[in-house]
Amino acid sequence: MEDLFWTTLLVNGKNAEYHILFEEEEYRFFPKESSIATYRFKREHDEWLAADQASEEVKDMAVEALEKYLLRQH
């Protein structure tokens, strides 16, 4: 498991802090508060895929955070 970064996502109308880890080819979003959903994303053939049920808004914010992080790594 690789520790990557922290980000904030808007979930159910509230800001939620998420710790992002990379494990088994997935980017995993773990919430600081245990009562909020976790999310997993994969990148396949230049497309981001959500492994969990995520609203389009959450998916868009998560993908944006991932892309910014990955761009900073190059």
C-alpha atoms as a PDB file:
ATOM      1  CA  MET A   1       0.000   0.000   0.000  1.00  0.00           C
ATOM      2  CA  GLU A   2       1.447   3.336  -1.070  1.00  0.00           C
ATOM      3  CA  ASP A   3       0.475   6.498   0.821  1.00  0.00           C
ATOM      4  CA  LEU A   4      -0.179   9.258  -1.756  1.00  0.00           C
ATOM      5  CA  PHE A   5      -1.952  12.398  -0.511  1.00  0.00           C
ATOM      6  CA  TRP A   6      -4.965  13.966   1.199  1.00  0.00           C
ATOM      7  CA  THR A   7      -7.781  15.795  -0.591  1.00  0.00           C
ATOM      8  CA  THR A   8     -11.213  17.233   0.104  1.00  0.00           C
ATOM      9  CA  LEU A   9     -14.324  16.067  -1.754  1.00  0.00           C
ATOM     10  CA  LEU A  10     -17.843  17.445  -1.570  1.00  0.00           C
ATOM     11  CA  VAL A  11     -19.995  14.498  -0.423  1.00  0.00           C
ATOM     12  CA  ASN A  12     -23.706  14.913   0.269  1.00  0.00           C
ATOM     13  CA  GLY A  13     -23.302  18.682   0.324  1.00  0.00           C
ATOM     14  CA  LYS A  14     -20.488  18.639   2.894  1.00  0.00           C
ATOM     15  CA  ASN A  15     -16.706  18.826   2.565  1.00  0.00           C
ATOM     16  CA  ALA A  16     -15.048  15.558   3.537  1.00  0.00           C
ATOM     17  CA  GLU A  17     -11.326  14.884   3.903  1.00  0.00           C
ATOM     18  CA  TYR A  18      -9.994  11.785   2.147  1.00  0.00           C
ATOM     19  CA  HIS A  19      -6.666   9.999   2.414  1.00  0.00           C
ATOM     20  CA  ILE A  20      -5.667   8.505  -0.946  1.00  0.00           C
ATOM     21  CA  LEU A  21      -3.685   5.281  -1.074  1.00  0.00           C
ATOM     22  CA  PHE A  22      -2.586   3.150  -4.024  1.00  0.00           C
ATOM     23  CA  GLU A  23      -2.991  -0.601  -3.651  1.00  0.00           C
ATOM     24  CA  GLU A  24      -3.586  -3.491  -6.059  1.00  0.00           C
ATOM     25  CA  GLU A  25      -3.760  -1.162  -9.095  1.00  0.00           C
ATOM     26  CA  GLU A  26      -6.477   0.973  -7.459  1.00  0.00           C
ATOM     27  CA  TYR A  27      -6.525   4.476  -6.043  1.00  0.00           C
ATOM     28  CA  ARG A  28      -8.443   4.161  -2.789  1.00  0.00           C
ATOM     29  CA  PHE A  29     -10.117   7.107  -1.103  1.00  0.00           C
ATOM     30  CA  PHE A  30     -10.471   6.561   2.646  1.00  0.00           C
ATOM     31  CA  PRO A  31     -12.489   9.184   4.555  1.00  0.00           C
ATOM     32  CA  LYS A  32     -11.197  10.786   7.727  1.00  0.00           C
ATOM     33  CA  GLU A  33     -14.683  10.221   9.192  1.00  0.00           C
ATOM     34  CA  SER A  34     -15.706   6.567   9.228  1.00  0.00           C
ATOM     35  CA  SER A  35     -19.386   7.377   8.558  1.00  0.00           C
ATOM     36  CA  ILE A  36     -18.639   8.518   4.989  1.00  0.00           C
ATOM     37  CA  ALA A  37     -18.268   6.212   1.976  1.00  0.00           C
ATOM     38  CA  THR A  38     -14.922   5.010   0.667  1.00  0.00           C
ATOM     39  CA  TYR A  39     -14.223   5.073  -3.070  1.00  0.00           C
ATOM     40  CA  ARG A  40     -11.926   3.161  -5.412  1.00  0.00           C
ATOM     41  CA  PHE A  41     -10.822   4.159  -8.893  1.00  0.00           C
ATOM     42  CA  LYS A  42      -8.784   2.468 -11.619  1.00  0.00           C
ATOM     43  CA  ARG A  43      -7.274   3.789 -14.789  1.00  0.00           C
ATOM     44  CA  GLU A  44      -7.730   1.473 -17.766  1.00  0.00           C
ATOM     45  CA  HIS A  45      -7.060   2.386 -21.405  1.00  0.00           C
ATOM     46  CA  ASP A  46      -6.809   6.110 -20.541  1.00  0.00           C
ATOM     47  CA  GLU A  47     -10.204   6.077 -18.811  1.00  0.00           C
ATOM     48  CA  TRP A  48     -10.999   6.420 -15.111  1.00  0.00           C
ATOM     49  CA  LEU A  49     -13.354   3.757 -13.790  1.00  0.00           C
ATOM     50  CA  ALA A  50     -15.131   3.877 -10.442  1.00  0.00           C
ATOM     51  CA  ALA A  51     -15.085   0.513  -8.652  1.00  0.00           C
ATOM     52  CA  ASP A  52     -17.790   1.704  -6.223  1.00  0.00           C
ATOM     53  CA  GLN A  53     -21.045   3.599  -6.533  1.00  0.00           C
ATOM     54  CA  ALA A  54     -20.081   7.254  -6.703  1.00  0.00           C
ATOM     55  CA  SER A  55     -22.119  10.200  -7.890  1.00  0.00           C
ATOM     56  CA  GLU A  56     -20.846  11.936 -11.009  1.00  0.00           C
ATOM     57  CA  GLU A  57     -19.944  14.932  -8.847  1.00  0.00           C
ATOM     58  CA  VAL A  58     -17.806  12.825  -6.478  1.00  0.00           C
ATOM     59  CA  LYS A  59     -16.233  10.935  -9.385  1.00  0.00           C
ATOM     60  CA  ASP A  60     -15.365  14.192 -11.175  1.00  0.00           C
ATOM     61  CA  MET A  61     -13.747  15.685  -8.053  1.00  0.00           C
ATOM     62  CA  ALA A  62     -11.820  12.480  -7.297  1.00  0.00           C
ATOM     63  CA  VAL A  63     -10.564  12.155 -10.875  1.00  0.00           C
ATOM     64  CA  GLU A  64      -9.512  15.814 -10.892  1.00  0.00           C
ATOM     65  CA  ALA A  65      -7.543  15.308  -7.653  1.00  0.00           C
ATOM     66  CA  LEU A  66      -5.900  12.163  -9.053  1.00  0.00           C
ATOM     67  CA  GLU A  67      -4.930  13.829 -12.320  1.00  0.00           C
ATOM     68  CA  LYS A  68      -3.413  16.831 -10.526  1.00  0.00           C
ATOM     69  CA  TYR A  69      -1.432  14.502  -8.279  1.00  0.00           C
ATOM     70  CA  LEU A  70      -0.199  12.375 -11.179  1.00  0.00           C
ATOM     71  CA  LEU A  71       0.812  15.436 -13.215  1.00  0.00           C
ATOM     72  CA  ARG A  72       2.908  16.715 -10.308  1.00  0.00           C
ATOM     73  CA  GLN A  73       4.786  13.394 -10.288  1.00  0.00           C
ATOM     74  CA  HIS A  74       6.195  13.899 -13.810  1.00  0.00           C
END
